[in-house]
Amino acid sequence: MEPNYTEQERYYQAKKKVEDIKGFYGNLIAYIIFNGFFLVLNLLTSPNELWFYWPLLGWGVGVLFHGMKVFNYSPFLSKDWEARKMKEFMEEEKRNANNWQ
């Protein structure tokens, strides 16, 4: 059963979602611009020693996880898994409580 949200609560949830998406796209744009700069800087100053891929990879992992969080993509820990695990823990607690009585 879904909670009965008021119009104002739905508005604030939608507003937060839009702000989260804007934040992700801002992060993605900064990632592209700065890493493009690092690539050009690396190739102009020391083309024989490539280092630009380190910030590309490190920051890229952060952008990836940020996107997964914002767009609710979690292939390993889905909402279904979360609900099953919570139910399992609740049943375990109930069994433990009954064993102590």
N, C-alpha and C. Protein backbone atom coordinates (compact mmCIF):
# COMPACT_ATOMS: atom_id res chain seq x y z
N MET A 1 0.84 -1.18 0.00
CA MET A 1 0.00 0.00 0.00
C MET A 1 0.88 1.25 0.00
N GLU A 2 0.61 2.15 -0.92
CA GLU A 2 1.41 3.36 -1.02
C GLU A 2 0.94 4.39 0.00
N PRO A 3 1.89 5.17 0.52
CA PRO A 3 1.48 6.22 1.45
C PRO A 3 0.62 7.27 0.74
N ASN A 4 -0.25 7.90 1.49
CA ASN A 4 -1.14 8.91 0.94
C ASN A 4 -0.47 10.28 1.12
N TYR A 5 0.27 10.72 0.10
CA TYR A 5 0.97 11.99 0.17
C TYR A 5 0.05 13.14 -0.20
N THR A 6 0.26 14.27 0.46
CA THR A 6 -0.48 15.48 0.09
C THR A 6 0.14 16.08 -1.16
N GLU A 7 -0.56 16.99 -1.75
CA GLU A 7 -0.06 17.66 -2.96
C GLU A 7 1.26 18.38 -2.66
N GLN A 8 1.35 19.00 -1.49
CA GLN A 8 2.57 19.72 -1.12
C GLN A 8 3.74 18.76 -0.94
N GLU A 9 3.50 17.60 -0.34
CA GLU A 9 4.58 16.61 -0.17
C GLU A 9 5.06 16.09 -1.52
N ARG A 10 4.11 15.84 -2.44
CA ARG A 10 4.50 15.39 -3.79
C ARG A 10 5.29 16.47 -4.50
N TYR A 11 4.90 17.73 -4.31
CA TYR A 11 5.62 18.84 -4.93
C TYR A 11 7.07 18.89 -4.43
N TYR A 12 7.27 18.78 -3.11
CA TYR A 12 8.62 18.83 -2.55
C TYR A 12 9.46 17.62 -2.97
N GLN A 13 8.83 16.46 -3.08
CA GLN A 13 9.57 15.29 -3.56
C GLN A 13 10.00 15.48 -5.01
N ALA A 14 9.09 15.99 -5.84
CA ALA A 14 9.42 16.24 -7.24
C ALA A 14 10.50 17.31 -7.36
N LYS A 15 10.40 18.36 -6.54
CA LYS A 15 11.41 19.42 -6.57
C LYS A 15 12.78 18.89 -6.19
N LYS A 16 12.83 18.03 -5.15
CA LYS A 16 14.11 17.45 -4.73
C LYS A 16 14.68 16.57 -5.83
N LYS A 17 13.83 15.80 -6.50
CA LYS A 17 14.29 14.93 -7.59
C LYS A 17 14.89 15.76 -8.72
N VAL A 18 14.22 16.86 -9.07
CA VAL A 18 14.73 17.75 -10.13
C VAL A 18 16.07 18.35 -9.71
N GLU A 19 16.20 18.77 -8.46
CA GLU A 19 17.47 19.33 -7.97
C GLU A 19 18.57 18.28 -7.99
N ASP A 20 18.24 17.03 -7.64
CA ASP A 20 19.23 15.95 -7.69
C ASP A 20 19.71 15.71 -9.12
N ILE A 21 18.77 15.71 -10.07
CA ILE A 21 19.13 15.50 -11.48
C ILE A 21 19.98 16.65 -12.00
N LYS A 22 19.61 17.89 -11.64
CA LYS A 22 20.42 19.05 -12.04
C LYS A 22 21.83 18.95 -11.47
N GLY A 23 21.93 18.53 -10.21
CA GLY A 23 23.25 18.35 -9.59
C GLY A 23 24.09 17.32 -10.31
N PHE A 24 23.45 16.22 -10.72
CA PHE A 24 24.18 15.20 -11.46
C PHE A 24 24.69 15.74 -12.79
N TYR A 25 23.81 16.43 -13.54
CA TYR A 25 24.23 16.96 -14.83
C TYR A 25 25.32 18.03 -14.68
N GLY A 26 25.26 18.80 -13.61
CA GLY A 26 26.34 19.76 -13.34
C GLY A 26 27.66 19.03 -13.10
N ASN A 27 27.61 17.96 -12.34
CA ASN A 27 28.79 17.15 -12.07
C ASN A 27 29.31 16.54 -13.37
N LEU A 28 28.41 16.03 -14.20
CA LEU A 28 28.80 15.42 -15.47
C LEU A 28 29.45 16.44 -16.41
N ILE A 29 28.88 17.63 -16.48
CA ILE A 29 29.45 18.67 -17.35
C ILE A 29 30.83 19.09 -16.85
N ALA A 30 30.99 19.25 -15.55
CA ALA A 30 32.30 19.60 -14.99
C ALA A 30 33.30 18.48 -15.28
N TYR A 31 32.86 17.24 -15.15
CA TYR A 31 33.72 16.09 -15.44
C TYR A 31 34.24 16.14 -16.88
N ILE A 32 33.35 16.39 -17.81
CA ILE A 32 33.73 16.43 -19.23
C ILE A 32 34.68 17.59 -19.51
N ILE A 33 34.35 18.77 -18.99
CA ILE A 33 35.17 19.96 -19.26
C ILE A 33 36.56 19.81 -18.64
N PHE A 34 36.62 19.47 -17.35
CA PHE A 34 37.92 19.39 -16.69
C PHE A 34 38.77 18.26 -17.23
N ASN A 35 38.16 17.12 -17.52
CA ASN A 35 38.97 16.02 -18.03
C ASN A 35 39.42 16.28 -19.46
N GLY A 36 38.64 17.02 -20.23
CA GLY A 36 39.10 17.46 -21.55
C GLY A 36 40.30 18.38 -21.41
N PHE A 37 40.23 19.28 -20.43
CA PHE A 37 41.36 20.17 -20.14
C PHE A 37 42.59 19.37 -19.72
N PHE A 38 42.40 18.39 -18.83
CA PHE A 38 43.53 17.57 -18.38
C PHE A 38 44.16 16.81 -19.54
N LEU A 39 43.34 16.31 -20.46
CA LEU A 39 43.85 15.60 -21.62
C LEU A 39 44.72 16.52 -22.47
N VAL A 40 44.20 17.69 -22.79
CA VAL A 40 44.95 18.65 -23.61
C VAL A 40 46.22 19.08 -22.88
N LEU A 41 46.12 19.39 -21.60
CA LEU A 41 47.29 19.78 -20.81
C LEU A 41 48.35 18.69 -20.81
N ASN A 42 47.94 17.47 -20.61
CA ASN A 42 48.88 16.35 -20.59
C ASN A 42 49.56 16.18 -21.94
N LEU A 43 48.79 16.24 -23.02
CA LEU A 43 49.36 16.04 -24.36
C LEU A 43 50.28 17.19 -24.77
N LEU A 44 49.99 18.40 -24.28
CA LEU A 44 50.85 19.54 -24.62
C LEU A 44 52.12 19.60 -23.78
N THR A 45 52.04 19.21 -22.53
CA THR A 45 53.19 19.37 -21.64
C THR A 45 54.08 18.14 -21.55
N SER A 46 53.48 16.97 -21.52
CA SER A 46 54.29 15.74 -21.41
C SER A 46 53.61 14.58 -22.13
N PRO A 47 53.64 14.62 -23.46
CA PRO A 47 52.93 13.58 -24.23
C PRO A 47 53.52 12.18 -24.04
N ASN A 48 54.75 12.09 -23.59
CA ASN A 48 55.37 10.77 -23.39
C ASN A 48 54.98 10.14 -22.06
N GLU A 49 54.46 10.94 -21.15
CA GLU A 49 54.03 10.44 -19.84
C GLU A 49 52.54 10.76 -19.66
N LEU A 50 51.72 9.79 -19.96
CA LEU A 50 50.28 10.02 -19.88
C LEU A 50 49.80 9.83 -18.45
N TRP A 51 49.16 10.87 -17.92
CA TRP A 51 48.61 10.82 -16.57
C TRP A 51 47.15 11.23 -16.52
N PHE A 52 46.64 11.77 -17.64
CA PHE A 52 45.28 12.33 -17.63
C PHE A 52 44.22 11.28 -17.28
N TYR A 53 44.50 10.02 -17.52
CA TYR A 53 43.49 8.99 -17.28
C TYR A 53 43.24 8.73 -15.79
N TRP A 54 44.17 9.12 -14.91
CA TRP A 54 43.95 8.91 -13.48
C TRP A 54 42.79 9.75 -12.95
N PRO A 55 42.77 11.07 -13.21
CA PRO A 55 41.59 11.82 -12.76
C PRO A 55 40.33 11.40 -13.54
N LEU A 56 40.52 11.02 -14.81
CA LEU A 56 39.40 10.56 -15.62
C LEU A 56 38.73 9.34 -14.97
N LEU A 57 39.54 8.38 -14.56
CA LEU A 57 39.01 7.17 -13.92
C LEU A 57 38.45 7.44 -12.53
N GLY A 58 39.22 8.15 -11.71
CA GLY A 58 38.78 8.41 -10.34
C GLY A 58 37.49 9.20 -10.27
N TRP A 59 37.45 10.30 -10.97
CA TRP A 59 36.26 11.13 -10.98
C TRP A 59 35.11 10.40 -11.69
N GLY A 60 35.45 9.62 -12.71
CA GLY A 60 34.44 8.87 -13.45
C GLY A 60 33.68 7.89 -12.58
N VAL A 61 34.38 7.24 -11.66
CA VAL A 61 33.71 6.33 -10.73
C VAL A 61 32.71 7.10 -9.87
N GLY A 62 33.13 8.27 -9.41
CA GLY A 62 32.23 9.11 -8.62
C GLY A 62 31.01 9.55 -9.42
N VAL A 63 31.20 9.94 -10.66
CA VAL A 63 30.08 10.35 -11.52
C VAL A 63 29.15 9.16 -11.76
N LEU A 64 29.72 8.00 -11.97
CA LEU A 64 28.91 6.80 -12.19
C LEU A 64 28.01 6.51 -11.00
N PHE A 65 28.59 6.50 -9.79
CA PHE A 65 27.79 6.23 -8.60
C PHE A 65 26.77 7.34 -8.33
N HIS A 66 27.15 8.58 -8.62
CA HIS A 66 26.21 9.69 -8.45
C HIS A 66 25.00 9.48 -9.37
N GLY A 67 25.26 9.13 -10.62
CA GLY A 67 24.17 8.88 -11.57
C GLY A 67 23.30 7.71 -11.15
N MET A 68 23.94 6.66 -10.65
CA MET A 68 23.16 5.49 -10.21
C MET A 68 22.24 5.87 -9.05
N LYS A 69 22.73 6.71 -8.16
CA LYS A 69 21.91 7.13 -7.02
C LYS A 69 20.76 8.03 -7.47
N VAL A 70 21.06 9.01 -8.32
CA VAL A 70 20.05 9.97 -8.76
C VAL A 70 18.94 9.29 -9.57
N PHE A 71 19.32 8.34 -10.43
CA PHE A 71 18.34 7.70 -11.30
C PHE A 71 17.84 6.36 -10.75
N ASN A 72 18.10 6.13 -9.46
CA ASN A 72 17.61 4.93 -8.75
C ASN A 72 17.95 3.64 -9.49
N TYR A 73 19.19 3.55 -9.96
CA TYR A 73 19.64 2.34 -10.64
C TYR A 73 20.59 1.62 -9.71
N SER A 74 20.16 0.47 -9.25
CA SER A 74 20.99 -0.32 -8.35
C SER A 74 20.81 -1.79 -8.71
N PRO A 75 21.63 -2.28 -9.64
CA PRO A 75 21.44 -3.66 -10.09
C PRO A 75 21.70 -4.70 -9.00
N PHE A 76 22.49 -4.34 -8.01
CA PHE A 76 22.84 -5.30 -6.97
C PHE A 76 21.92 -5.19 -5.76
N LEU A 77 21.53 -4.00 -5.40
CA LEU A 77 20.71 -3.78 -4.22
C LEU A 77 19.42 -3.06 -4.62
N SER A 78 18.55 -3.76 -5.31
CA SER A 78 17.32 -3.15 -5.79
C SER A 78 16.34 -2.95 -4.64
N LYS A 79 15.26 -2.21 -4.94
CA LYS A 79 14.21 -1.99 -3.94
C LYS A 79 13.59 -3.32 -3.52
N ASP A 80 13.46 -4.25 -4.46
CA ASP A 80 12.90 -5.56 -4.15
C ASP A 80 13.79 -6.29 -3.15
N TRP A 81 15.10 -6.24 -3.39
CA TRP A 81 16.05 -6.87 -2.46
C TRP A 81 15.95 -6.21 -1.09
N GLU A 82 15.87 -4.89 -1.09
CA GLU A 82 15.79 -4.14 0.17
C GLU A 82 14.54 -4.54 0.96
N ALA A 83 13.41 -4.65 0.28
CA ALA A 83 12.16 -5.02 0.96
C ALA A 83 12.25 -6.45 1.51
N ARG A 84 12.81 -7.38 0.73
CA ARG A 84 12.96 -8.76 1.20
C ARG A 84 13.88 -8.83 2.41
N LYS A 85 14.98 -8.07 2.37
CA LYS A 85 15.94 -8.10 3.48
C LYS A 85 15.32 -7.51 4.74
N MET A 86 14.56 -6.43 4.61
CA MET A 86 13.91 -5.83 5.77
C MET A 86 12.92 -6.82 6.39
N LYS A 87 12.15 -7.49 5.53
CA LYS A 87 11.19 -8.48 6.02
C LYS A 87 11.92 -9.61 6.74
N GLU A 88 13.03 -10.05 6.17
CA GLU A 88 13.83 -11.11 6.79
C GLU A 88 14.32 -10.69 8.18
N PHE A 89 14.84 -9.48 8.29
CA PHE A 89 15.34 -8.99 9.58
C PHE A 89 14.21 -8.85 10.60
N MET A 90 13.06 -8.36 10.13
CA MET A 90 11.92 -8.20 11.04
C MET A 90 11.45 -9.56 11.56
N GLU A 91 11.41 -10.56 10.68
CA GLU A 91 11.00 -11.90 11.11
C GLU A 91 12.02 -12.51 12.07
N GLU A 92 13.29 -12.25 11.80
CA GLU A 92 14.35 -12.75 12.69
C GLU A 92 14.24 -12.12 14.07
N GLU A 93 13.99 -10.82 14.12
CA GLU A 93 13.81 -10.13 15.40
C GLU A 93 12.60 -10.68 16.15
N LYS A 94 11.54 -10.96 15.41
CA LYS A 94 10.33 -11.50 16.03
C LYS A 94 10.61 -12.89 16.62
N ARG A 95 11.34 -13.72 15.89
CA ARG A 95 11.71 -15.05 16.39
C ARG A 95 12.59 -14.94 17.63
N ASN A 96 13.55 -14.03 17.60
CA ASN A 96 14.44 -13.84 18.76
C ASN A 96 13.66 -13.35 19.97
N ALA A 97 12.70 -12.46 19.76
CA ALA A 97 11.88 -11.96 20.85
C ALA A 97 11.04 -13.08 21.45
N ASN A 98 10.52 -13.96 20.62
CA ASN A 98 9.70 -15.08 21.09
C ASN A 98 10.55 -16.10 21.84
N ASN A 99 11.82 -16.25 21.46
CA ASN A 99 12.71 -17.21 22.14
C ASN A 99 13.04 -16.75 23.54
N TRP A 100 13.02 -15.45 23.80
CA TRP A 100 13.36 -14.92 25.12
C TRP A 100 12.18 -14.98 26.08
N GLN A 101 10.99 -15.22 25.57
CA GLN A 101 9.80 -15.23 26.45
C GLN A 101 9.56 -16.57 27.06
